[in-house]
Amino acid sequence: MTLDDLGPRILILGPSNSGKSTLAEAIARARGLEAVHLDQLHHLPGTDWVQRPPEEFARLHEEAVAGERWVMDGNYSRLLPSRLARATGAIRIELPTAVSLYRYARRSWFERGRVGGLDGGRDSVKWVMIHHIAVTTRLNRKRNRLAFEGFDLPKIRLATPAALDAFYRANGLTRV
């Protein structure tokens, strides 16, 4: 299965800090799709990840999903059914927990203006996020993988950093 098989509305799912936003931007540039980063819809710009009211996030989410050509990264399981109803393909990134923790620390300490970050916001290392990556996400991996396998649409699973790199190369994608 190739990127071309996924159509004009692509979901990218996976654990926090696995590279979903970077991949979404690369696909958007290569295929002329709108990149939608759900974290940016879920959180207020110019903050340290302060959440929007749930009804506002749901409205922004539904507006984005209604578009004709997008690549959308993020999980937000409670709103996944409407995304799945419109999606034409899906990608799941499953990098090891240690890689996600490393990427979280690196982006919080060294990266400014990163892909998928909040406009005017600044990332910082937080215990709640470390716990989310190291415990919550790790415990949910099997359930999320099984759910992904049940999606009735074209899909690609990238289970290692090498598989992710190979996907970039095979599809002529470049990271920002």
C-alpha atoms as a PDB file:
ATOM      1  CA  MET A   1       0.000   0.000   0.000  1.00  0.00           C
ATOM      2  CA  THR A   2       1.310   3.464  -0.895  1.00  0.00           C
ATOM      3  CA  LEU A   3       0.384   7.002   0.020  1.00  0.00           C
ATOM      4  CA  ASP A   4      -1.483   7.313  -3.299  1.00  0.00           C
ATOM      5  CA  ASP A   5      -3.864   4.559  -2.137  1.00  0.00           C
ATOM      6  CA  LEU A   6      -5.014   6.622   0.853  1.00  0.00           C
ATOM      7  CA  GLY A   7      -7.010   9.232  -1.073  1.00  0.00           C
ATOM      8  CA  PRO A   8      -7.662  12.922  -0.331  1.00  0.00           C
ATOM      9  CA  ARG A   9      -8.640  12.689   3.373  1.00  0.00           C
ATOM     10  CA  ILE A  10      -5.997  10.976   5.477  1.00  0.00           C
ATOM     11  CA  LEU A  11      -5.954  10.350   9.232  1.00  0.00           C
ATOM     12  CA  ILE A  12      -2.631  10.079  11.047  1.00  0.00           C
ATOM     13  CA  LEU A  13      -2.873   8.424  14.454  1.00  0.00           C
ATOM     14  CA  GLY A  14      -0.332   7.326  17.019  1.00  0.00           C
ATOM     15  CA  PRO A  15       1.145   8.029  20.418  1.00  0.00           C
ATOM     16  CA  SER A  16       2.167  11.495  21.562  1.00  0.00           C
ATOM     17  CA  ASN A  17       5.448  12.713  20.084  1.00  0.00           C
ATOM     18  CA  SER A  18       5.648  10.011  17.439  1.00  0.00           C
ATOM     19  CA  GLY A  19       5.923  12.415  14.486  1.00  0.00           C
ATOM     20  CA  LYS A  20       2.270  12.684  13.440  1.00  0.00           C
ATOM     21  CA  SER A  21       2.342  16.440  12.797  1.00  0.00           C
ATOM     22  CA  THR A  22       5.627  16.335  10.909  1.00  0.00           C
ATOM     23  CA  LEU A  23       4.297  13.555   8.682  1.00  0.00           C
ATOM     24  CA  ALA A  24       1.024  15.435   8.128  1.00  0.00           C
ATOM     25  CA  GLU A  25       2.918  18.521   6.952  1.00  0.00           C
ATOM     26  CA  ALA A  26       5.095  16.462   4.628  1.00  0.00           C
ATOM     27  CA  ILE A  27       2.055  14.762   3.089  1.00  0.00           C
ATOM     28  CA  ALA A  28       0.156  18.057   2.814  1.00  0.00           C
ATOM     29  CA  ARG A  29       3.040  19.663   0.893  1.00  0.00           C
ATOM     30  CA  ALA A  30       3.519  16.674  -1.403  1.00  0.00           C
ATOM     31  CA  ARG A  31      -0.174  16.058  -2.170  1.00  0.00           C
ATOM     32  CA  GLY A  32      -1.674  19.560  -1.984  1.00  0.00           C
ATOM     33  CA  LEU A  33      -3.811  18.752   1.044  1.00  0.00           C
ATOM     34  CA  GLU A  34      -4.669  20.964   4.003  1.00  0.00           C
ATOM     35  CA  ALA A  35      -2.740  19.929   7.130  1.00  0.00           C
ATOM     36  CA  VAL A  36      -5.015  19.911  10.170  1.00  0.00           C
ATOM     37  CA  HIS A  37      -3.302  19.477  13.537  1.00  0.00           C
ATOM     38  CA  LEU A  38      -5.949  18.506  16.087  1.00  0.00           C
ATOM     39  CA  ASP A  39      -3.754  19.670  18.972  1.00  0.00           C
ATOM     40  CA  GLN A  40      -4.006  23.203  17.552  1.00  0.00           C
ATOM     41  CA  LEU A  41      -7.795  22.945  17.439  1.00  0.00           C
ATOM     42  CA  HIS A  42      -7.985  21.436  20.926  1.00  0.00           C
ATOM     43  CA  HIS A  43      -5.756  24.022  22.605  1.00  0.00           C
ATOM     44  CA  LEU A  44      -5.767  27.825  22.754  1.00  0.00           C
ATOM     45  CA  PRO A  45      -3.015  29.554  20.748  1.00  0.00           C
ATOM     46  CA  GLY A  46      -0.407  31.510  22.697  1.00  0.00           C
ATOM     47  CA  THR A  47      -0.692  29.257  25.753  1.00  0.00           C
ATOM     48  CA  ASP A  48       1.224  26.417  27.345  1.00  0.00           C
ATOM     49  CA  TRP A  49      -1.358  23.888  26.082  1.00  0.00           C
ATOM     50  CA  VAL A  50      -4.507  25.298  27.718  1.00  0.00           C
ATOM     51  CA  GLN A  51      -7.523  23.392  26.394  1.00  0.00           C
ATOM     52  CA  ARG A  52     -10.423  25.056  24.608  1.00  0.00           C
ATOM     53  CA  PRO A  53     -13.940  24.414  25.908  1.00  0.00           C
ATOM     54  CA  PRO A  54     -15.046  20.962  24.654  1.00  0.00           C
ATOM     55  CA  GLU A  55     -17.932  22.302  22.571  1.00  0.00           C
ATOM     56  CA  GLU A  56     -15.629  24.786  20.807  1.00  0.00           C
ATOM     57  CA  PHE A  57     -13.122  22.034  20.004  1.00  0.00           C
ATOM     58  CA  ALA A  58     -15.922  19.785  18.707  1.00  0.00           C
ATOM     59  CA  ARG A  59     -17.185  22.594  16.438  1.00  0.00           C
ATOM     60  CA  LEU A  60     -13.694  23.303  15.040  1.00  0.00           C
ATOM     61  CA  HIS A  61     -13.136  19.571  14.566  1.00  0.00           C
ATOM     62  CA  GLU A  62     -16.375  19.111  12.616  1.00  0.00           C
ATOM     63  CA  GLU A  63     -15.606  22.122  10.407  1.00  0.00           C
ATOM     64  CA  ALA A  64     -12.201  20.635   9.555  1.00  0.00           C
ATOM     65  CA  VAL A  65     -13.601  17.146   8.922  1.00  0.00           C
ATOM     66  CA  ALA A  66     -16.167  18.618   6.487  1.00  0.00           C
ATOM     67  CA  GLY A  67     -13.331  19.705   4.160  1.00  0.00           C
ATOM     68  CA  GLU A  68     -12.718  17.868   0.914  1.00  0.00           C
ATOM     69  CA  ARG A  69      -8.899  17.501   0.975  1.00  0.00           C
ATOM     70  CA  TRP A  70      -7.018  17.123   4.250  1.00  0.00           C
ATOM     71  CA  VAL A  71      -4.462  15.212   6.217  1.00  0.00           C
ATOM     72  CA  MET A  72      -5.382  15.299   9.897  1.00  0.00           C
ATOM     73  CA  ASP A  73      -3.125  14.300  12.762  1.00  0.00           C
ATOM     74  CA  GLY A  74      -4.166  13.543  16.294  1.00  0.00           C
ATOM     75  CA  ASN A  75      -6.112  10.969  18.251  1.00  0.00           C
ATOM     76  CA  TYR A  76      -8.940  12.509  20.325  1.00  0.00           C
ATOM     77  CA  SER A  77     -10.877   9.247  20.406  1.00  0.00           C
ATOM     78  CA  ARG A  78     -14.255  10.686  21.331  1.00  0.00           C
ATOM     79  CA  LEU A  79     -14.386  12.549  18.007  1.00  0.00           C
ATOM     80  CA  LEU A  80     -12.809   9.765  15.938  1.00  0.00           C
ATOM     81  CA  PRO A  81     -16.096   8.359  14.554  1.00  0.00           C
ATOM     82  CA  SER A  82     -16.851  11.502  12.518  1.00  0.00           C
ATOM     83  CA  ARG A  83     -13.274  11.533  11.197  1.00  0.00           C
ATOM     84  CA  LEU A  84     -13.501   7.877  10.216  1.00  0.00           C
ATOM     85  CA  ALA A  85     -16.797   8.510   8.426  1.00  0.00           C
ATOM     86  CA  ARG A  86     -15.078  11.057   6.125  1.00  0.00           C
ATOM     87  CA  ALA A  87     -11.556   9.651   5.893  1.00  0.00           C
ATOM     88  CA  THR A  88     -10.376   7.907   2.742  1.00  0.00           C
ATOM     89  CA  GLY A  89      -7.244   6.431   4.345  1.00  0.00           C
ATOM     90  CA  ALA A  90      -5.311   6.166   7.604  1.00  0.00           C
ATOM     91  CA  ILE A  91      -1.739   5.921   8.860  1.00  0.00           C
ATOM     92  CA  ARG A  92      -0.758   4.705  12.329  1.00  0.00           C
ATOM     93  CA  ILE A  93       2.686   5.499  13.706  1.00  0.00           C
ATOM     94  CA  GLU A  94       3.795   3.235  16.572  1.00  0.00           C
ATOM     95  CA  LEU A  95       7.212   4.365  17.754  1.00  0.00           C
ATOM     96  CA  PRO A  96       8.618   2.965  21.025  1.00  0.00           C
ATOM     97  CA  THR A  97       7.793   4.802  24.251  1.00  0.00           C
ATOM     98  CA  ALA A  98      11.460   5.714  24.782  1.00  0.00           C
ATOM     99  CA  VAL A  99      11.551   7.456  21.395  1.00  0.00           C
ATOM    100  CA  SER A 100       8.403   9.431  22.249  1.00  0.00           C
ATOM    101  CA  LEU A 101       9.867  10.505  25.605  1.00  0.00           C
ATOM    102  CA  TYR A 102      13.102  11.623  23.947  1.00  0.00           C
ATOM    103  CA  ARG A 103      11.193  13.566  21.272  1.00  0.00           C
ATOM    104  CA  TYR A 104       9.035  15.234  23.948  1.00  0.00           C
ATOM    105  CA  ALA A 105      12.074  16.436  25.903  1.00  0.00           C
ATOM    106  CA  ARG A 106      13.835  17.604  22.731  1.00  0.00           C
ATOM    107  CA  ARG A 107      10.878  19.597  21.458  1.00  0.00           C
ATOM    108  CA  SER A 108      10.186  21.128  24.866  1.00  0.00           C
ATOM    109  CA  TRP A 109      13.740  22.251  25.470  1.00  0.00           C
ATOM    110  CA  PHE A 110      15.187  22.930  22.039  1.00  0.00           C
ATOM    111  CA  GLU A 111      12.550  23.382  19.323  1.00  0.00           C
ATOM    112  CA  ARG A 112      10.745  26.668  18.769  1.00  0.00           C
ATOM    113  CA  GLY A 113       8.014  27.037  16.196  1.00  0.00           C
ATOM    114  CA  ARG A 114       7.826  23.298  15.601  1.00  0.00           C
ATOM    115  CA  VAL A 115       5.300  21.714  13.270  1.00  0.00           C
ATOM    116  CA  GLY A 116       2.014  21.169  15.086  1.00  0.00           C
ATOM    117  CA  GLY A 117       2.931  23.511  17.955  1.00  0.00           C
ATOM    118  CA  LEU A 118       0.688  26.287  19.193  1.00  0.00           C
ATOM    119  CA  ASP A 119       1.016  29.673  17.517  1.00  0.00           C
ATOM    120  CA  GLY A 120       2.718  31.926  20.051  1.00  0.00           C
ATOM    121  CA  GLY A 121       2.876  29.111  22.603  1.00  0.00           C
ATOM    122  CA  ARG A 122       5.875  27.467  24.160  1.00  0.00           C
ATOM    123  CA  ASP A 123       6.276  23.834  25.082  1.00  0.00           C
ATOM    124  CA  SER A 124       7.545  22.943  28.524  1.00  0.00           C
ATOM    125  CA  VAL A 125       8.301  19.650  30.227  1.00  0.00           C
ATOM    126  CA  LYS A 126       5.400  18.632  32.450  1.00  0.00           C
ATOM    127  CA  TRP A 127       5.055  15.642  34.733  1.00  0.00           C
ATOM    128  CA  VAL A 128       1.499  15.031  33.488  1.00  0.00           C
ATOM    129  CA  MET A 129       2.790  14.698  29.904  1.00  0.00           C
ATOM    130  CA  ILE A 130       5.652  12.406  30.898  1.00  0.00           C
ATOM    131  CA  HIS A 131       3.109  10.223  32.720  1.00  0.00           C
ATOM    132  CA  HIS A 132       0.803  10.308  29.689  1.00  0.00           C
ATOM    133  CA  ILE A 133       3.582   9.137  27.350  1.00  0.00           C
ATOM    134  CA  ALA A 134       5.223   6.620  29.689  1.00  0.00           C
ATOM    135  CA  VAL A 135       2.122   5.100  31.303  1.00  0.00           C
ATOM    136  CA  THR A 136      -1.227   5.998  29.718  1.00  0.00           C
ATOM    137  CA  THR A 137      -0.158   5.800  26.067  1.00  0.00           C
ATOM    138  CA  ARG A 138       1.828   2.619  26.677  1.00  0.00           C
ATOM    139  CA  LEU A 139      -1.201   0.939  28.247  1.00  0.00           C
ATOM    140  CA  ASN A 140      -3.454   2.026  25.350  1.00  0.00           C
ATOM    141  CA  ARG A 141      -1.173   0.830  22.551  1.00  0.00           C
ATOM    142  CA  LYS A 142      -2.695  -2.636  22.130  1.00  0.00           C
ATOM    143  CA  ARG A 143      -6.285  -1.332  22.207  1.00  0.00           C
ATOM    144  CA  ASN A 144      -5.458   1.421  19.680  1.00  0.00           C
ATOM    145  CA  ARG A 145      -3.618  -0.997  17.380  1.00  0.00           C
ATOM    146  CA  LEU A 146      -6.577  -3.405  17.398  1.00  0.00           C
ATOM    147  CA  ALA A 147      -9.005  -0.565  16.677  1.00  0.00           C
ATOM    148  CA  PHE A 148      -6.812   0.575  13.770  1.00  0.00           C
ATOM    149  CA  GLU A 149      -6.729  -2.936  12.331  1.00  0.00           C
ATOM    150  CA  GLY A 150     -10.547  -2.872  12.309  1.00  0.00           C
ATOM    151  CA  PHE A 151     -10.806   0.334  10.248  1.00  0.00           C
ATOM    152  CA  ASP A 152     -12.591  -0.389   6.993  1.00  0.00           C
ATOM    153  CA  LEU A 153     -10.455   1.825   4.775  1.00  0.00           C
ATOM    154  CA  PRO A 154      -6.987   1.729   3.214  1.00  0.00           C
ATOM    155  CA  LYS A 155      -4.360   1.968   5.934  1.00  0.00           C
ATOM    156  CA  ILE A 156      -0.649   1.887   6.561  1.00  0.00           C
ATOM    157  CA  ARG A 157       0.996   0.934   9.860  1.00  0.00           C
ATOM    158  CA  LEU A 158       4.487   2.281  10.567  1.00  0.00           C
ATOM    159  CA  ALA A 159       5.743   0.313  13.561  1.00  0.00           C
ATOM    160  CA  THR A 160       9.388   1.394  13.822  1.00  0.00           C
ATOM    161  CA  PRO A 161      11.505   4.498  13.238  1.00  0.00           C
ATOM    162  CA  ALA A 162      13.068   2.667  10.253  1.00  0.00           C
ATOM    163  CA  ALA A 163       9.606   1.989   8.761  1.00  0.00           C
ATOM    164  CA  LEU A 164       8.703   5.664   9.175  1.00  0.00           C
ATOM    165  CA  ASP A 165      11.943   6.756   7.476  1.00  0.00           C
ATOM    166  CA  ALA A 166      11.359   4.265   4.648  1.00  0.00           C
ATOM    167  CA  PHE A 167       7.832   5.621   4.168  1.00  0.00           C
ATOM    168  CA  TYR A 168       9.206   9.159   3.788  1.00  0.00           C
ATOM    169  CA  ARG A 169      11.730   7.959   1.192  1.00  0.00           C
ATOM    170  CA  ALA A 170       9.334   5.726  -0.744  1.00  0.00           C
ATOM    171  CA  ASN A 171       6.810   8.555  -1.101  1.00  0.00           C
ATOM    172  CA  GLY A 172       9.256  11.381  -1.825  1.00  0.00           C
ATOM    173  CA  LEU A 173       8.358  13.180   1.414  1.00  0.00           C
ATOM    174  CA  THR A 174      10.620  15.613   3.235  1.00  0.00           C
ATOM    175  CA  ARG A 175      10.551  16.681   6.858  1.00  0.00           C
ATOM    176  CA  VAL A 176      10.419  20.392   7.625  1.00  0.00           C
END
